PDB file of N, CA and C in Angstrom:
ATOM      1  N   MET A   1     111.523  58.993  93.361  1.00  0.00           N
ATOM      2  CA  MET A   1     111.376  60.175  94.313  1.00  0.00           C
ATOM      3  C   MET A   1     112.019  59.937  95.622  1.00  0.00           C
ATOM      4  N   LEU A   2     112.693  61.404  95.838  1.00  0.00           N
ATOM      5  CA  LEU A   2     113.681  60.828  96.999  1.00  0.00           C
ATOM      6  C   LEU A   2     112.891  61.643  97.783  1.00  0.00           C
ATOM      7  N   ASN A   3     113.521  61.630  99.204  1.00  0.00           N
ATOM      8  CA  ASN A   3     112.537  61.197 100.043  1.00  0.00           C
ATOM      9  C   ASN A   3     114.085  62.100 101.176  1.00  0.00           C
ATOM     10  N   THR A   4     114.253  63.388 101.731  1.00  0.00           N
ATOM     11  CA  THR A   4     114.817  64.948 101.735  1.00  0.00           C
ATOM     12  C   THR A   4     114.907  63.687 103.564  1.00  0.00           C
ATOM     13  N   ALA A   5     113.800  62.956 104.238  1.00  0.00           N
ATOM     14  CA  ALA A   5     114.022  63.018 105.803  1.00  0.00           C
ATOM     15  C   ALA A   5     114.556  61.719 105.310  1.00  0.00           C
ATOM     16  N   LEU A   6     114.837  60.986 104.741  1.00  0.00           N
ATOM     17  CA  LEU A   6     115.843  59.503 104.538  1.00  0.00           C
ATOM     18  C   LEU A   6     117.290  60.572 103.892  1.00  0.00           C
ATOM     19  N   ALA A   7     117.445  61.225 103.462  1.00  0.00           N
ATOM     20  CA  ALA A   7     118.901  61.981 102.888  1.00  0.00           C
ATOM     21  C   ALA A   7     119.251  62.386 104.334  1.00  0.00           C
ATOM     22  N   PRO A   8     120.608  61.628 104.051  1.00  0.00           N
ATOM     23  CA  PRO A   8     120.978  62.145 105.296  1.00  0.00           C
ATOM     24  C   PRO A   8     122.218  62.991 104.704  1.00  0.00           C
ATOM     25  N   LEU A   9     122.718  63.446 105.875  1.00  0.00           N
ATOM     26  CA  LEU A   9     123.311  65.525 105.405  1.00  0.00           C
ATOM     27  C   LEU A   9     124.910  64.985 105.104  1.00  0.00           C
ATOM     28  N   CYS A  10     125.031  63.570 105.197  1.00  0.00           N
ATOM     29  CA  CYS A  10     126.224  63.671 104.583  1.00  0.00           C
ATOM     30  C   CYS A  10     126.064  62.850 103.425  1.00  0.00           C
ATOM     31  N   ALA A  11     125.195  62.654 102.724  1.00  0.00           N
ATOM     32  CA  ALA A  11     125.612  61.647 101.466  1.00  0.00           C
ATOM     33  C   ALA A  11     126.192  61.829 100.547  1.00  0.00           C
ATOM     34  N   ARG A  12     126.486  60.105 100.607  1.00  0.00           N
ATOM     35  CA  ARG A  12     128.172  59.969  99.871  1.00  0.00           C
ATOM     36  C   ARG A  12     127.597  60.576  98.193  1.00  0.00           C
ATOM     37  N   PRO A  13     129.021  61.019  97.815  1.00  0.00           N
ATOM     38  CA  PRO A  13     129.765  61.696  96.361  1.00  0.00           C
ATOM     39  C   PRO A  13     129.011  61.042  95.383  1.00  0.00           C
ATOM     40  N   LEU A  14     128.579  60.914  94.592  1.00  0.00           N
ATOM     41  CA  LEU A  14     128.643  59.804  92.940  1.00  0.00           C
ATOM     42  C   LEU A  14     129.597  59.266  92.640  1.00  0.00           C
ATOM     43  N   PRO A  15     130.307  58.005  93.161  1.00  0.00           N
ATOM     44  CA  PRO A  15     131.383  57.641  92.034  1.00  0.00           C
ATOM     45  C   PRO A  15     131.826  58.160  90.719  1.00  0.00           C
ATOM     46  N   VAL A  16     132.960  58.078  90.468  1.00  0.00           N
ATOM     47  CA  VAL A  16     133.260  58.876  88.848  1.00  0.00           C
ATOM     48  C   VAL A  16     134.714  58.484  88.215  1.00  0.00           C
ATOM     49  N   ALA A  17     134.665  57.671  87.349  1.00  0.00           N
ATOM     50  CA  ALA A  17     135.338  56.924  87.019  1.00  0.00           C
ATOM     51  C   ALA A  17     136.619  57.177  86.703  1.00  0.00           C
ATOM     52  N   ASP A  18     138.125  57.345  86.128  1.00  0.00           N
ATOM     53  CA  ASP A  18     138.943  57.398  85.369  1.00  0.00           C
ATOM     54  C   ASP A  18     138.931  58.495  84.910  1.00  0.00           C
ATOM     55  N   ASP A  19     137.130  57.577  83.796  1.00  0.00           N
ATOM     56  CA  ASP A  19     137.859  58.677  82.000  1.00  0.00           C
ATOM     57  C   ASP A  19     135.952  59.065  82.295  1.00  0.00           C
ATOM     58  N   GLN A  20     135.676  59.394  83.633  1.00  0.00           N
ATOM     59  CA  GLN A  20     134.976  61.053  83.437  1.00  0.00           C
ATOM     60  C   GLN A  20     133.614  59.887  83.060  1.00  0.00           C
ATOM     61  N   HIS A  21     133.136  58.596  83.388  1.00  0.00           N
ATOM     62  CA  HIS A  21     131.595  58.591  83.573  1.00  0.00           C
ATOM     63  C   HIS A  21     130.997  58.339  85.258  1.00  0.00           C
ATOM     64  N   VAL A  22     129.616  58.335  85.370  1.00  0.00           N
ATOM     65  CA  VAL A  22     129.435  57.684  86.761  1.00  0.00           C
ATOM     66  C   VAL A  22     130.172  56.518  86.778  1.00  0.00           C
ATOM     67  N   ASP A  23     131.086  56.047  88.493  1.00  0.00           N
ATOM     68  CA  ASP A  23     130.807  54.836  88.087  1.00  0.00           C
ATOM     69  C   ASP A  23     130.281  54.386  89.734  1.00  0.00           C
ATOM     70  N   ALA A  24     128.788  53.982  88.495  1.00  0.00           N
ATOM     71  CA  ALA A  24     127.415  53.470  89.770  1.00  0.00           C
ATOM     72  C   ALA A  24     126.339  53.444  88.688  1.00  0.00           C
ATOM     73  N   ASP A  25     125.357  52.281  88.543  1.00  0.00           N
ATOM     74  CA  ASP A  25     124.594  51.741  87.819  1.00  0.00           C
ATOM     75  C   ASP A  25     123.204  53.117  88.997  1.00  0.00           C
ATOM     76  N   LEU A  26     122.707  54.199  87.878  1.00  0.00           N
ATOM     77  CA  LEU A  26     122.243  54.984  88.384  1.00  0.00           C
ATOM     78  C   LEU A  26     120.373  54.241  89.062  1.00  0.00           C
ATOM     79  N   ASP A  27     120.037  54.930  89.298  1.00  0.00           N
ATOM     80  CA  ASP A  27     117.924  54.169  89.745  1.00  0.00           C
ATOM     81  C   ASP A  27     117.831  55.080  87.702  1.00  0.00           C
ATOM     82  N   VAL A  28     117.352  54.367  87.636  1.00  0.00           N
ATOM     83  CA  VAL A  28     116.700  54.576  86.190  1.00  0.00           C
ATOM     84  C   VAL A  28     115.074  54.792  85.687  1.00  0.00           C
ATOM     85  N   THR A  29     114.190  55.796  86.118  1.00  0.00           N
ATOM     86  CA  THR A  29     113.302  56.087  85.713  1.00  0.00           C
ATOM     87  C   THR A  29     112.415  55.233  84.785  1.00  0.00           C
ATOM     88  N   LEU A  30     112.810  55.975  83.905  1.00  0.00           N
ATOM     89  CA  LEU A  30     113.292  55.273  82.442  1.00  0.00           C
ATOM     90  C   LEU A  30     113.885  55.668  81.433  1.00  0.00           C
ATOM     91  N   SER A  31     114.497  54.701  80.513  1.00  0.00           N
ATOM     92  CA  SER A  31     115.133  53.893  79.980  1.00  0.00           C
ATOM     93  C   SER A  31     114.409  53.961  78.374  1.00  0.00           C
ATOM     94  N   THR A  32     114.828  54.604  77.506  1.00  0.00           N
ATOM     95  CA  THR A  32     114.727  54.452  76.252  1.00  0.00           C
ATOM     96  C   THR A  32     115.912  54.692  74.721  1.00  0.00           C
ATOM     97  N   PRO A  33     115.594  54.166  73.727  1.00  0.00           N
ATOM     98  CA  PRO A  33     116.879  54.331  72.829  1.00  0.00           C
ATOM     99  C   PRO A  33     118.102  55.078  72.939  1.00  0.00           C
ATOM    100  N   LEU A  34     117.095  56.294  73.274  1.00  0.00           N
ATOM    101  CA  LEU A  34     117.982  57.377  72.619  1.00  0.00           C
ATOM    102  C   LEU A  34     118.189  58.356  74.337  1.00  0.00           C
ATOM    103  N   THR A  35     117.193  58.267  75.261  1.00  0.00           N
ATOM    104  CA  THR A  35     117.893  58.533  76.663  1.00  0.00           C
ATOM    105  C   THR A  35     117.162  58.098  78.108  1.00  0.00           C
ATOM    106  N   LEU A  36     117.746  58.773  79.182  1.00  0.00           N
ATOM    107  CA  LEU A  36     118.036  57.473  80.166  1.00  0.00           C
ATOM    108  C   LEU A  36     117.751  58.781  81.342  1.00  0.00           C
ATOM    109  N   VAL A  37     116.409  58.764  82.061  1.00  0.00           N
ATOM    110  CA  VAL A  37     115.874  59.591  82.722  1.00  0.00           C
ATOM    111  C   VAL A  37     116.124  58.729  84.373  1.00  0.00           C
ATOM    112  N   VAL A  38     116.656  60.055  85.552  1.00  0.00           N
ATOM    113  CA  VAL A  38     116.922  59.194  86.482  1.00  0.00           C
ATOM    114  C   VAL A  38     116.554  60.368  87.424  1.00  0.00           C
ATOM    115  N   ASN A  39     115.295  60.536  87.893  1.00  0.00           N
ATOM    116  CA  ASN A  39     115.042  61.576  89.169  1.00  0.00           C
ATOM    117  C   ASN A  39     115.797  61.697  90.330  1.00  0.00           C
ATOM    118  N   ALA A  40     116.190  63.763  90.724  1.00  0.00           N
ATOM    119  CA  ALA A  40     117.065  63.600  91.608  1.00  0.00           C
ATOM    120  C   ALA A  40     116.587  65.182  91.958  1.00  0.00           C
ATOM    121  N   GLN A  41     116.485  65.082  93.094  1.00  0.00           N
ATOM    122  CA  GLN A  41     116.925  66.190  94.347  1.00  0.00           C
ATOM    123  C   GLN A  41     117.285  67.007  94.440  1.00  0.00           C
ATOM    124  N   LEU A  42     116.693  68.105  94.631  1.00  0.00           N
ATOM    125  CA  LEU A  42     117.406  70.209  94.470  1.00  0.00           C
ATOM    126  C   LEU A  42     117.692  70.533  95.849  1.00  0.00           C
ATOM    127  N   GLU A  43     118.227  70.288  96.820  1.00  0.00           N
ATOM    128  CA  GLU A  43     117.751  70.740  98.448  1.00  0.00           C
ATOM    129  C   GLU A  43     118.145  72.388  98.209  1.00  0.00           C
ATOM    130  N   VAL A  44     117.515  73.142  98.514  1.00  0.00           N
ATOM    131  CA  VAL A  44     117.496  74.783  99.001  1.00  0.00           C
ATOM    132  C   VAL A  44     117.324  74.739  99.973  1.00  0.00           C
ATOM    133  N   ALA A  45     119.040  76.203 100.752  1.00  0.00           N
ATOM    134  CA  ALA A  45     119.137  76.121 102.341  1.00  0.00           C
ATOM    135  C   ALA A  45     117.998  77.437 102.633  1.00  0.00           C
ATOM    136  N   ASP A  46     117.506  77.555 101.947  1.00  0.00           N
ATOM    137  CA  ASP A  46     115.929  78.617 102.641  1.00  0.00           C
ATOM    138  C   ASP A  46     114.707  77.274 103.093  1.00  0.00           C
ATOM    139  N   THR A  47     114.654  77.597 104.353  1.00  0.00           N
ATOM    140  CA  THR A  47     113.708  76.226 104.430  1.00  0.00           C
ATOM    141  C   THR A  47     112.290  77.169 104.316  1.00  0.00           C
ATOM    142  N   GLU A  48     112.028  78.666 103.398  1.00  0.00           N
ATOM    143  CA  GLU A  48     110.221  78.809 103.156  1.00  0.00           C
ATOM    144  C   GLU A  48     110.526  78.013 102.031  1.00  0.00           C
ATOM    145  N   GLN A  49     111.712  77.943 100.352  1.00  0.00           N
ATOM    146  CA  GLN A  49     111.636  77.219  99.150  1.00  0.00           C
ATOM    147  C   GLN A  49     111.615  75.555  99.557  1.00  0.00           C
ATOM    148  N   PRO A  50     110.201  75.246  98.828  1.00  0.00           N
ATOM    149  CA  PRO A  50     109.723  73.904  99.340  1.00  0.00           C
ATOM    150  C   PRO A  50     111.756  72.707  98.068  1.00  0.00           C
ATOM    151  N   ASN A  51     111.928  71.953  98.635  1.00  0.00           N
ATOM    152  CA  ASN A  51     112.755  71.305  97.870  1.00  0.00           C
ATOM    153  C   ASN A  51     112.165  70.801  95.884  1.00  0.00           C
ATOM    154  N   LEU A  52     113.200  70.731  95.563  1.00  0.00           N
ATOM    155  CA  LEU A  52     112.869  70.503  94.087  1.00  0.00           C
ATOM    156  C   LEU A  52     113.221  69.091  93.413  1.00  0.00           C
ATOM    157  N   GLU A  53     112.028  68.809  92.961  1.00  0.00           N
ATOM    158  CA  GLU A  53     112.338  67.591  92.612  1.00  0.00           C
ATOM    159  C   GLU A  53     113.011  67.430  90.552  1.00  0.00           C
ATOM    160  N   LEU A  54     113.319  66.675  90.572  1.00  0.00           N
ATOM    161  CA  LEU A  54     113.789  67.241  88.806  1.00  0.00           C
ATOM    162  C   LEU A  54     113.726  65.268  88.529  1.00  0.00           C
ATOM    163  N   ALA A  55     113.797  65.488  87.259  1.00  0.00           N
ATOM    164  CA  ALA A  55     113.573  64.068  86.334  1.00  0.00           C
ATOM    165  C   ALA A  55     115.107  65.119  84.636  1.00  0.00           C
ATOM    166  N   LEU A  56     116.430  64.487  85.425  1.00  0.00           N
ATOM    167  CA  LEU A  56     117.184  64.547  84.391  1.00  0.00           C
ATOM    168  C   LEU A  56     117.114  63.184  83.265  1.00  0.00           C
ATOM    169  N   VAL A  57     117.396  64.353  82.498  1.00  0.00           N
ATOM    170  CA  VAL A  57     117.361  63.672  81.282  1.00  0.00           C
ATOM    171  C   VAL A  57     118.874  63.685  80.363  1.00  0.00           C
ATOM    172  N   ILE A  58     119.684  62.491  79.872  1.00  0.00           N
ATOM    173  CA  ILE A  58     120.504  62.865  79.412  1.00  0.00           C
ATOM    174  C   ILE A  58     120.776  61.557  78.263  1.00  0.00           C
ATOM    175  N   PRO A  59     121.691  62.454  77.156  1.00  0.00           N
ATOM    176  CA  PRO A  59     120.775  61.562  75.796  1.00  0.00           C
ATOM    177  C   PRO A  59     121.383  59.894  76.190  1.00  0.00           C
ATOM    178  N   ARG A  60     121.847  58.923  75.154  1.00  0.00           N
ATOM    179  CA  ARG A  60     121.681  57.821  75.681  1.00  0.00           C
ATOM    180  C   ARG A  60     123.625  57.370  74.548  1.00  0.00           C
ATOM    181  N   SER A  61     123.611  58.444  74.158  1.00  0.00           N
ATOM    182  CA  SER A  61     124.804  58.619  73.361  1.00  0.00           C
ATOM    183  C   SER A  61     126.009  59.077  74.060  1.00  0.00           C
ATOM    184  N   GLN A  62     125.310  59.651  75.400  1.00  0.00           N
ATOM    185  CA  GLN A  62     126.832  60.131  76.403  1.00  0.00           C
ATOM    186  C   GLN A  62     126.914  58.953  77.741  1.00  0.00           C
ATOM    187  N   CYS A  63     126.020  57.935  77.470  1.00  0.00           N
ATOM    188  CA  CYS A  63     125.874  56.455  78.716  1.00  0.00           C
ATOM    189  C   CYS A  63     127.080  55.843  77.904  1.00  0.00           C
ATOM    190  N   ARG A  64     127.263  54.596  79.201  1.00  0.00           N
ATOM    191  CA  ARG A  64     127.745  53.451  79.278  1.00  0.00           C
ATOM    192  C   ARG A  64     126.454  53.058  79.773  1.00  0.00           C
ATOM    193  N   GLY A  65     125.605  52.608  79.373  1.00  0.00           N
ATOM    194  CA  GLY A  65     124.879  51.763  79.840  1.00  0.00           C
ATOM    195  C   GLY A  65     123.852  52.005  80.422  1.00  0.00           C
ATOM    196  N   GLU A  66     123.907  52.012  82.055  1.00  0.00           N
ATOM    197  CA  GLU A  66     123.060  52.852  83.227  1.00  0.00           C
ATOM    198  C   GLU A  66     123.870  53.647  83.469  1.00  0.00           C
ATOM    199  N   ARG A  67     125.584  53.901  82.624  1.00  0.00           N
ATOM    200  CA  ARG A  67     126.486  54.940  83.960  1.00  0.00           C
ATOM    201  C   ARG A  67     126.923  56.378  82.801  1.00  0.00           C
ATOM    202  N   PRO A  68     126.564  57.484  83.010  1.00  0.00           N
ATOM    203  CA  PRO A  68     126.599  58.356  81.973  1.00  0.00           C
ATOM    204  C   PRO A  68     127.634  59.263  81.929  1.00  0.00           C
ATOM    205  N   ARG A  69     128.320  60.169  80.899  1.00  0.00           N
ATOM    206  CA  ARG A  69     129.703  60.858  81.246  1.00  0.00           C
ATOM    207  C   ARG A  69     129.355  61.717  82.603  1.00  0.00           C
ATOM    208  N   LEU A  70     129.493  62.429  82.931  1.00  0.00           N
ATOM    209  CA  LEU A  70     129.856  62.667  84.802  1.00  0.00           C
ATOM    210  C   LEU A  70     129.648  64.792  83.825  1.00  0.00           C
ATOM    211  N   ALA A  71     129.823  65.102  82.462  1.00  0.00           N
ATOM    212  CA  ALA A  71     129.725  65.999  81.947  1.00  0.00           C
ATOM    213  C   ALA A  71     128.264  66.276  81.569  1.00  0.00           C
ATOM    214  N   ALA A  72     127.626  65.600  80.878  1.00  0.00           N
ATOM    215  CA  ALA A  72     126.440  65.054  80.581  1.00  0.00           C
ATOM    216  C   ALA A  72     125.337  64.546  81.981  1.00  0.00           C
ATOM    217  N   LEU A  73     126.239  64.087  82.532  1.00  0.00           N
ATOM    218  CA  LEU A  73     124.954  64.193  83.798  1.00  0.00           C
ATOM    219  C   LEU A  73     124.516  65.724  84.618  1.00  0.00           C
ATOM    220  N   LEU A  74     126.232  66.368  84.326  1.00  0.00           N
ATOM    221  CA  LEU A  74     125.996  68.402  84.955  1.00  0.00           C
ATOM    222  C   LEU A  74     125.158  69.244  84.104  1.00  0.00           C
ATOM    223  N   HIS A  75     124.931  69.063  82.763  1.00  0.00           N
ATOM    224  CA  HIS A  75     124.094  69.498  81.655  1.00  0.00           C
ATOM    225  C   HIS A  75     122.867  69.154  82.019  1.00  0.00           C
ATOM    226  N   ALA A  76     122.807  67.496  81.716  1.00  0.00           N
ATOM    227  CA  ALA A  76     121.086  67.181  82.153  1.00  0.00           C
ATOM    228  C   ALA A  76     120.296  67.985  84.258  1.00  0.00           C
ATOM    229  N   VAL A  77     121.149  68.008  84.844  1.00  0.00           N
ATOM    230  CA  VAL A  77     120.876  69.147  86.573  1.00  0.00           C
ATOM    231  C   VAL A  77     120.045  70.525  86.094  1.00  0.00           C
ATOM    232  N   GLN A  78     121.103  71.603  84.810  1.00  0.00           N
ATOM    233  CA  GLN A  78     121.602  72.242  85.343  1.00  0.00           C
ATOM    234  C   GLN A  78     120.647  72.032  83.892  1.00  0.00           C
ATOM    235  N   ALA A  79     119.784  72.112  83.828  1.00  0.00           N
ATOM    236  CA  ALA A  79     118.408  71.903  81.669  1.00  0.00           C
ATOM    237  C   ALA A  79     117.836  71.993  83.194  1.00  0.00           C
ATOM    238  N   ALA A  80     117.953  70.234  84.015  1.00  0.00           N
ATOM    239  CA  ALA A  80     116.878  70.346  84.910  1.00  0.00           C
ATOM    240  C   ALA A  80     115.993  71.272  86.132  1.00  0.00           C
ATOM    241  N   ILE A  81     116.806  72.166  86.189  1.00  0.00           N
ATOM    242  CA  ILE A  81     116.547  73.412  87.307  1.00  0.00           C
ATOM    243  C   ILE A  81     115.968  74.323  86.245  1.00  0.00           C
ATOM    244  N   ALA A  82     116.899  74.198  85.190  1.00  0.00           N
ATOM    245  CA  ALA A  82     115.904  75.624  84.014  1.00  0.00           C
ATOM    246  C   ALA A  82     114.757  75.498  83.908  1.00  0.00           C
ATOM    247  N   ARG A  83     114.615  73.501  83.906  1.00  0.00           N
ATOM    248  CA  ARG A  83     112.925  73.641  83.781  1.00  0.00           C
ATOM    249  C   ARG A  83     111.903  74.492  84.967  1.00  0.00           C
ATOM    250  N   ALA A  84     112.848  73.638  85.889  1.00  0.00           N
ATOM    251  CA  ALA A  84     111.914  73.560  87.062  1.00  0.00           C
ATOM    252  C   ALA A  84     111.435  74.579  87.351  1.00  0.00           C
ATOM    253  N   THR A  85     112.113  75.598  87.366  1.00  0.00           N
ATOM    254  CA  THR A  85     112.898  77.139  88.529  1.00  0.00           C
ATOM    255  C   THR A  85     111.671  78.362  86.818  1.00  0.00           C
ATOM    256  N   ARG A  86     111.467  77.701  85.657  1.00  0.00           N
ATOM    257  CA  ARG A  86     110.658  78.440  85.027  1.00  0.00           C
ATOM    258  C   ARG A  86     111.604  79.516  84.269  1.00  0.00           C
ATOM    259  N   GLY A  87     113.491  79.550  84.692  1.00  0.00           N
ATOM    260  CA  GLY A  87     114.172  80.970  84.483  1.00  0.00           C
ATOM    261  C   GLY A  87     114.086  81.973  85.292  1.00  0.00           C
ATOM    262  N   GLY A  88     113.120  81.428  86.459  1.00  0.00           N
ATOM    263  CA  GLY A  88     113.291  82.032  87.638  1.00  0.00           C
ATOM    264  C   GLY A  88     114.770  81.109  88.992  1.00  0.00           C
ATOM    265  N   THR A  89     114.907  82.527  89.751  1.00  0.00           N
ATOM    266  CA  THR A  89     116.416  82.245  90.801  1.00  0.00           C
ATOM    267  C   THR A  89     115.746  81.463  92.181  1.00  0.00           C
ATOM    268  N   ILE A  90     116.452  80.811  91.957  1.00  0.00           N
ATOM    269  CA  ILE A  90     116.644  80.018  93.679  1.00  0.00           C
ATOM    270  C   ILE A  90     117.699  80.206  93.807  1.00  0.00           C
ATOM    271  N   HIS A  91     116.952  81.233  95.162  1.00  0.00           N
ATOM    272  CA  HIS A  91     117.544  81.380  96.748  1.00  0.00           C
ATOM    273  C   HIS A  91     118.423  80.154  97.465  1.00  0.00           C
ATOM    274  N   ARG A  92     119.506  80.030  96.690  1.00  0.00           N
ATOM    275  CA  ARG A  92     120.886  79.218  98.290  1.00  0.00           C
ATOM    276  C   ARG A  92     120.417  78.349  97.737  1.00  0.00           C
ATOM    277  N   PRO A  93     120.625  77.473  96.725  1.00  0.00           N
ATOM    278  CA  PRO A  93     121.065  76.279  96.075  1.00  0.00           C
ATOM    279  C   PRO A  93     121.867  75.488  96.707  1.00  0.00           C
ATOM    280  N   ARG A  94     121.201  74.214  97.865  1.00  0.00           N
ATOM    281  CA  ARG A  94     122.488  73.352  98.437  1.00  0.00           C
ATOM    282  C   ARG A  94     123.028  72.354  98.493  1.00  0.00           C
ATOM    283  N   ARG A  95     122.541  71.130  97.341  1.00  0.00           N
ATOM    284  CA  ARG A  95     123.266  70.241  96.684  1.00  0.00           C
ATOM    285  C   ARG A  95     121.828  69.414  95.610  1.00  0.00           C
ATOM    286  N   VAL A  96     121.591  68.813  94.871  1.00  0.00           N
ATOM    287  CA  VAL A  96     121.550  67.914  94.279  1.00  0.00           C
ATOM    288  C   VAL A  96     121.803  66.337  94.827  1.00  0.00           C
ATOM    289  N   LEU A  97     121.019  65.479  94.976  1.00  0.00           N
ATOM    290  CA  LEU A  97     120.774  64.186  95.509  1.00  0.00           C
ATOM    291  C   LEU A  97     120.601  63.301  94.499  1.00  0.00           C
ATOM    292  N   THR A  98     120.552  62.306  93.920  1.00  0.00           N
ATOM    293  CA  THR A  98     119.943  61.343  93.100  1.00  0.00           C
ATOM    294  C   THR A  98     120.138  60.099  93.988  1.00  0.00           C
ATOM    295  N   GLN A  99     119.547  59.263  93.082  1.00  0.00           N
ATOM    296  CA  GLN A  99     119.619  57.946  93.714  1.00  0.00           C
ATOM    297  C   GLN A  99     120.660  56.398  93.094  1.00  0.00           C
ATOM    298  N   VAL A 100     121.293  55.827  93.757  1.00  0.00           N
ATOM    299  CA  VAL A 100     122.247  54.740  93.886  1.00  0.00           C
ATOM    300  C   VAL A 100     121.433  53.326  94.339  1.00  0.00           C
ATOM    301  N   GLY A 101     120.904  52.083  93.621  1.00  0.00           N
ATOM    302  CA  GLY A 101     121.123  51.273  94.830  1.00  0.00           C
ATOM    303  C   GLY A 101     119.430  51.606  95.750  1.00  0.00           C
ATOM    304  N   GLY A 102     118.903  52.746  95.260  1.00  0.00           N
ATOM    305  CA  GLY A 102     118.386  53.284  96.689  1.00  0.00           C
ATOM    306  C   GLY A 102     118.576  54.330  98.035  1.00  0.00           C
ATOM    307  N   GLN A 103     120.263  54.324  97.647  1.00  0.00           N
ATOM    308  CA  GLN A 103     120.857  55.107  98.650  1.00  0.00           C
ATOM    309  C   GLN A 103     121.284  56.423  98.085  1.00  0.00           C
ATOM    310  N   PRO A 104     120.783  57.034  98.591  1.00  0.00           N
ATOM    311  CA  PRO A 104     121.147  59.403  98.304  1.00  0.00           C
ATOM    312  C   PRO A 104     122.605  59.481  97.726  1.00  0.00           C
ATOM    313  N   HIS A 105     122.427  59.860  97.007  1.00  0.00           N
ATOM    314  CA  HIS A 105     124.442  60.026  96.518  1.00  0.00           C
ATOM    315  C   HIS A 105     123.917  61.447  96.479  1.00  0.00           C
ATOM    316  N   LEU A 106     125.132  62.440  96.443  1.00  0.00           N
ATOM    317  CA  LEU A 106     125.656  63.383  96.527  1.00  0.00           C
ATOM    318  C   LEU A 106     126.291  64.107  94.820  1.00  0.00           C
ATOM    319  N   ILE A 107     125.484  64.702  93.747  1.00  0.00           N
ATOM    320  CA  ILE A 107     126.026  65.129  93.333  1.00  0.00           C
ATOM    321  C   ILE A 107     126.595  66.055  93.165  1.00  0.00           C
ATOM    322  N   ALA A 108     128.476  65.936  93.936  1.00  0.00           N
ATOM    323  CA  ALA A 108     129.582  66.785  94.694  1.00  0.00           C
ATOM    324  C   ALA A 108     129.548  67.781  93.228  1.00  0.00           C
ATOM    325  N   GLN A 109     129.677  67.656  92.096  1.00  0.00           N
ATOM    326  CA  GLN A 109     131.010  68.695  91.178  1.00  0.00           C
ATOM    327  C   GLN A 109     129.470  69.843  90.445  1.00  0.00           C
ATOM    328  N   PHE A 110     128.355  70.343  91.400  1.00  0.00           N
ATOM    329  CA  PHE A 110     127.124  70.910  90.652  1.00  0.00           C
ATOM    330  C   PHE A 110     127.885  72.017  91.344  1.00  0.00           C
TER     331      PHE A 110
END
């Protein structure tokens, strides 16, 4: 779980290698032969709405170790937001953060 009080406003962007894989080992919540699950948090600009905790489920076939392809990560973000909001709308989504080595990183391409 991410703590927004500890997540700086200027979180570093998640590094991406030339081959379009994330260039860092993500903090994994669950790893199976078929999937990799990573926690993330969707921050919203509207102070009336709480931030949403997300579970990003990424097919293992789209990963190299703990490093998913960027496209697979972005797809997992979109799917997690859809699950969390049950098809409703999020007013003014701000950013999505995930953890690398215990530090928050911005999924900048979201």
